[in-house]
PDB file of N, CA and C in Angstrom:
ATOM      1  N   UNK A   1     179.020 -21.383 184.659  1.00  0.00           N
ATOM      2  CA  UNK A   1     179.340 -20.215 183.871  1.00  0.00           C
ATOM      3  C   UNK A   1     179.989 -19.191 184.812  1.00  0.00           C
ATOM      4  N   UNK A   2     181.052 -18.621 184.389  1.00  0.00           N
ATOM      5  CA  UNK A   2     181.780 -17.675 185.222  1.00  0.00           C
ATOM      6  C   UNK A   2     181.424 -16.240 184.896  1.00  0.00           C
ATOM      7  N   UNK A   3     182.014 -15.354 185.647  1.00  0.00           N
ATOM      8  CA  UNK A   3     181.801 -13.931 185.416  1.00  0.00           C
ATOM      9  C   UNK A   3     182.568 -13.471 184.189  1.00  0.00           C
ATOM     10  N   UNK A   4     182.007 -12.529 183.488  1.00  0.00           N
ATOM     11  CA  UNK A   4     182.670 -11.953 182.328  1.00  0.00           C
ATOM     12  C   UNK A   4     183.192 -10.591 182.754  1.00  0.00           C
ATOM     13  N   UNK A   5     184.460 -10.366 182.572  1.00  0.00           N
ATOM     14  CA  UNK A   5     185.063  -9.103 182.972  1.00  0.00           C
ATOM     15  C   UNK A   5     185.073  -8.125 181.811  1.00  0.00           C
ATOM     16  N   UNK A   6     184.971  -6.846 182.152  1.00  0.00           N
ATOM     17  CA  UNK A   6     185.074  -5.810 181.135  1.00  0.00           C
ATOM     18  C   UNK A   6     186.533  -5.636 180.755  1.00  0.00           C
ATOM     19  N   UNK A   7     186.813  -5.518 179.472  1.00  0.00           N
ATOM     20  CA  UNK A   7     188.187  -5.225 179.072  1.00  0.00           C
ATOM     21  C   UNK A   7     188.606  -3.854 179.605  1.00  0.00           C
ATOM     22  N   UNK A   8     189.892  -3.664 179.784  1.00  0.00           N
ATOM     23  CA  UNK A   8     190.380  -2.376 180.263  1.00  0.00           C
ATOM     24  C   UNK A   8     190.031  -1.299 179.233  1.00  0.00           C
ATOM     25  N   UNK A   9     189.746  -0.109 179.728  1.00  0.00           N
ATOM     26  CA  UNK A   9     189.399   1.049 178.905  1.00  0.00           C
ATOM     27  C   UNK A   9     188.086   0.881 178.139  1.00  0.00           C
ATOM     28  N   UNK A  10     187.242  -0.058 178.564  1.00  0.00           N
ATOM     29  CA  UNK A  10     185.936  -0.236 177.938  1.00  0.00           C
ATOM     30  C   UNK A  10     184.890  -0.201 179.046  1.00  0.00           C
ATOM     31  N   UNK A  11     183.864   0.601 178.848  1.00  0.00           N
ATOM     32  CA  UNK A  11     182.807   0.727 179.832  1.00  0.00           C
ATOM     33  C   UNK A  11     181.498   0.275 179.202  1.00  0.00           C
ATOM     34  N   UNK A  12     180.911  -0.795 179.737  1.00  0.00           N
ATOM     35  CA  UNK A  12     179.683  -1.335 179.168  1.00  0.00           C
ATOM     36  C   UNK A  12     178.428  -0.684 179.739  1.00  0.00           C
ATOM     37  N   UNK A  13     178.559   0.160 180.740  1.00  0.00           N
ATOM     38  CA  UNK A  13     177.381   0.816 181.286  1.00  0.00           C
ATOM     39  C   UNK A  13     176.934   1.917 180.332  1.00  0.00           C
ATOM     40  N   UNK A  14     175.640   2.018 180.160  1.00  0.00           N
ATOM     41  CA  UNK A  14     175.085   2.976 179.212  1.00  0.00           C
ATOM     42  C   UNK A  14     174.078   3.845 179.955  1.00  0.00           C
ATOM     43  N   UNK A  15     174.197   5.122 179.777  1.00  0.00           N
ATOM     44  CA  UNK A  15     173.202   6.025 180.342  1.00  0.00           C
ATOM     45  C   UNK A  15     172.283   6.467 179.229  1.00  0.00           C
ATOM     46  N   UNK A  16     170.993   6.251 179.441  1.00  0.00           N
ATOM     47  CA  UNK A  16     170.038   6.644 178.416  1.00  0.00           C
ATOM     48  C   UNK A  16     169.764   8.138 178.512  1.00  0.00           C
ATOM     49  N   UNK A  17     169.469   8.713 177.381  1.00  0.00           N
ATOM     50  CA  UNK A  17     169.155  10.129 177.332  1.00  0.00           C
ATOM     51  C   UNK A  17     167.652  10.293 177.536  1.00  0.00           C
ATOM     52  N   UNK A  18     167.231  11.358 178.204  1.00  0.00           N
ATOM     53  CA  UNK A  18     165.792  11.572 178.376  1.00  0.00           C
ATOM     54  C   UNK A  18     165.115  11.837 177.027  1.00  0.00           C
ATOM     55  N   UNK A  19     163.848  11.402 176.946  1.00  0.00           N
ATOM     56  CA  UNK A  19     163.106  11.579 175.706  1.00  0.00           C
ATOM     57  C   UNK A  19     162.680  13.036 175.550  1.00  0.00           C
ATOM     58  N   UNK A  20     162.611  13.478 174.309  1.00  0.00           N
ATOM     59  CA  UNK A  20     162.115  14.823 174.034  1.00  0.00           C
ATOM     60  C   UNK A  20     160.590  14.798 174.123  1.00  0.00           C
ATOM     61  N   UNK A  21     159.989  15.959 174.192  1.00  0.00           N
ATOM     62  CA  UNK A  21     158.529  16.039 174.253  1.00  0.00           C
ATOM     63  C   UNK A  21     157.890  15.424 173.005  1.00  0.00           C
ATOM     64  N   UNK A  22     158.520  15.616 171.854  1.00  0.00           N
ATOM     65  CA  UNK A  22     157.986  15.048 170.611  1.00  0.00           C
ATOM     66  C   UNK A  22     158.038  13.520 170.643  1.00  0.00           C
ATOM     67  N   UNK A  23     159.139  12.962 171.137  1.00  0.00           N
ATOM     68  CA  UNK A  23     159.264  11.505 171.242  1.00  0.00           C
ATOM     69  C   UNK A  23     158.243  10.949 172.227  1.00  0.00           C
ATOM     70  N   UNK A  24     158.038  11.631 173.348  1.00  0.00           N
ATOM     71  CA  UNK A  24     157.033  11.196 174.311  1.00  0.00           C
ATOM     72  C   UNK A  24     155.632  11.234 173.717  1.00  0.00           C
ATOM     73  N   UNK A  25     155.347  12.281 172.957  1.00  0.00           N
ATOM     74  CA  UNK A  25     154.041  12.412 172.323  1.00  0.00           C
ATOM     75  C   UNK A  25     153.809  11.261 171.343  1.00  0.00           C
ATOM     76  N   UNK A  26     154.816  10.945 170.525  1.00  0.00           N
ATOM     77  CA  UNK A  26     154.707   9.837 169.568  1.00  0.00           C
ATOM     78  C   UNK A  26     154.534   8.503 170.286  1.00  0.00           C
ATOM     79  N   UNK A  27     155.284   8.305 171.359  1.00  0.00           N
ATOM     80  CA  UNK A  27     155.205   7.051 172.105  1.00  0.00           C
ATOM     81  C   UNK A  27     153.824   6.882 172.742  1.00  0.00           C
ATOM     82  N   UNK A  28     153.319   7.943 173.329  1.00  0.00           N
ATOM     83  CA  UNK A  28     151.999   7.867 173.969  1.00  0.00           C
ATOM     84  C   UNK A  28     150.906   7.599 172.937  1.00  0.00           C
ATOM     85  N   UNK A  29     151.039   8.206 171.761  1.00  0.00           N
ATOM     86  CA  UNK A  29     150.066   7.973 170.688  1.00  0.00           C
ATOM     87  C   UNK A  29     150.104   6.507 170.251  1.00  0.00           C
ATOM     88  N   UNK A  30     151.312   5.975 170.072  1.00  0.00           N
ATOM     89  CA  UNK A  30     151.466   4.582 169.674  1.00  0.00           C
ATOM     90  C   UNK A  30     150.879   3.633 170.723  1.00  0.00           C
ATOM     91  N   UNK A  31     151.156   3.897 171.995  1.00  0.00           N
ATOM     92  CA  UNK A  31     150.644   3.033 173.057  1.00  0.00           C
ATOM     93  C   UNK A  31     149.126   3.087 173.125  1.00  0.00           C
ATOM     94  N   UNK A  32     148.548   4.248 172.918  1.00  0.00           N
ATOM     95  CA  UNK A  32     147.092   4.380 172.910  1.00  0.00           C
ATOM     96  C   UNK A  32     146.493   3.552 171.776  1.00  0.00           C
ATOM     97  N   UNK A  33     147.107   3.620 170.607  1.00  0.00           N
ATOM     98  CA  UNK A  33     146.619   2.844 169.462  1.00  0.00           C
ATOM     99  C   UNK A  33     146.743   1.347 169.718  1.00  0.00           C
ATOM    100  N   UNK A  34     147.870   0.922 170.297  1.00  0.00           N
ATOM    101  CA  UNK A  34     148.061  -0.505 170.569  1.00  0.00           C
ATOM    102  C   UNK A  34     147.067  -1.011 171.611  1.00  0.00           C
ATOM    103  N   UNK A  35     146.821  -0.218 172.636  1.00  0.00           N
ATOM    104  CA  UNK A  35     145.860  -0.630 173.668  1.00  0.00           C
ATOM    105  C   UNK A  35     144.455  -0.705 173.100  1.00  0.00           C
ATOM    106  N   UNK A  36     144.089   0.241 172.242  1.00  0.00           N
ATOM    107  CA  UNK A  36     142.764   0.225 171.621  1.00  0.00           C
ATOM    108  C   UNK A  36     142.616  -0.989 170.716  1.00  0.00           C
ATOM    109  N   UNK A  37     143.655  -1.308 169.984  1.00  0.00           N
ATOM    110  CA  UNK A  37     143.637  -2.464 169.087  1.00  0.00           C
ATOM    111  C   UNK A  37     143.528  -3.756 169.893  1.00  0.00           C
ATOM    112  N   UNK A  38     144.207  -3.821 171.023  1.00  0.00           N
ATOM    113  CA  UNK A  38     144.211  -5.021 171.856  1.00  0.00           C
ATOM    114  C   UNK A  38     142.832  -5.274 172.464  1.00  0.00           C
ATOM    115  N   UNK A  39     142.137  -4.225 172.862  1.00  0.00           N
ATOM    116  CA  UNK A  39     140.818  -4.415 173.464  1.00  0.00           C
ATOM    117  C   UNK A  39     139.789  -4.812 172.415  1.00  0.00           C
ATOM    118  N   UNK A  40     140.046  -4.518 171.140  1.00  0.00           N
ATOM    119  CA  UNK A  40     139.113  -4.890 170.078  1.00  0.00           C
ATOM    120  C   UNK A  40     139.196  -6.382 169.762  1.00  0.00           C
ATOM    121  N   UNK A  41     140.329  -7.002 170.051  1.00  0.00           N
ATOM    122  CA  UNK A  41     140.468  -8.419 169.743  1.00  0.00           C
ATOM    123  C   UNK A  41     139.548  -9.234 170.639  1.00  0.00           C
ATOM    124  N   UNK A  42     139.077 -10.352 170.121  1.00  0.00           N
ATOM    125  CA  UNK A  42     138.119 -11.136 170.884  1.00  0.00           C
ATOM    126  C   UNK A  42     138.814 -11.779 172.086  1.00  0.00           C
ATOM    127  N   UNK A  43     138.103 -11.933 173.170  1.00  0.00           N
ATOM    128  CA  UNK A  43     138.708 -12.536 174.361  1.00  0.00           C
ATOM    129  C   UNK A  43     139.032 -14.004 174.112  1.00  0.00           C
ATOM    130  N   UNK A  44     140.141 -14.420 174.659  1.00  0.00           N
ATOM    131  CA  UNK A  44     140.558 -15.811 174.498  1.00  0.00           C
ATOM    132  C   UNK A  44     139.944 -16.646 175.610  1.00  0.00           C
ATOM    133  N   UNK A  45     139.449 -17.806 175.238  1.00  0.00           N
ATOM    134  CA  UNK A  45     138.873 -18.689 176.243  1.00  0.00           C
ATOM    135  C   UNK A  45     139.863 -19.800 176.549  1.00  0.00           C
ATOM    136  N   UNK A  46     139.820 -20.261 177.762  1.00  0.00           N
ATOM    137  CA  UNK A  46     140.722 -21.314 178.197  1.00  0.00           C
ATOM    138  C   UNK A  46     140.009 -22.651 178.061  1.00  0.00           C
ATOM    139  N   UNK A  47     140.613 -23.568 177.336  1.00  0.00           N
ATOM    140  CA  UNK A  47     140.069 -24.909 177.194  1.00  0.00           C
ATOM    141  C   UNK A  47     141.102 -25.893 177.723  1.00  0.00           C
ATOM    142  N   UNK A  48     140.798 -26.529 178.863  1.00  0.00           N
ATOM    143  CA  UNK A  48     141.772 -27.472 179.401  1.00  0.00           C
ATOM    144  C   UNK A  48     141.953 -28.672 178.469  1.00  0.00           C
ATOM    145  N   UNK A  49     143.197 -29.136 178.357  1.00  0.00           N
ATOM    146  CA  UNK A  49     143.484 -30.303 177.517  1.00  0.00           C
ATOM    147  C   UNK A  49     143.194 -31.576 178.300  1.00  0.00           C
ATOM    148  N   UNK A  50     142.711 -32.568 177.577  1.00  0.00           N
ATOM    149  CA  UNK A  50     142.439 -33.849 178.213  1.00  0.00           C
ATOM    150  C   UNK A  50     143.723 -34.639 178.333  1.00  0.00           C
ATOM    151  N   UNK A  51     143.878 -35.326 179.439  1.00  0.00           N
ATOM    152  CA  UNK A  51     145.060 -36.155 179.632  1.00  0.00           C
ATOM    153  C   UNK A  51     144.894 -37.449 178.844  1.00  0.00           C
ATOM    154  N   UNK A  52     145.957 -37.873 178.211  1.00  0.00           N
ATOM    155  CA  UNK A  52     145.938 -39.105 177.435  1.00  0.00           C
ATOM    156  C   UNK A  52     146.785 -40.129 178.188  1.00  0.00           C
ATOM    157  N   UNK A  53     146.192 -41.238 178.519  1.00  0.00           N
ATOM    158  CA  UNK A  53     146.930 -42.305 179.205  1.00  0.00           C
ATOM    159  C   UNK A  53     147.677 -43.134 178.178  1.00  0.00           C
ATOM    160  N   UNK A  54     148.969 -43.271 178.395  1.00  0.00           N
ATOM    161  CA  UNK A  54     149.777 -44.012 177.431  1.00  0.00           C
ATOM    162  C   UNK A  54     149.989 -45.424 177.876  1.00  0.00           C
TER     163      UNK A  54
END
């Protein structure tokens, strides 16, 4: 696979804008809820699979 060149007069680099305080507040609230939900789920146990001889 070769390199892909940018067409002339086209810039693919994107600069993200900083988040507002309201967006940060919403994001932090969402992450807190997701983390709380994740810890409530039961822990997964690892069960090794048996090898089958063919």
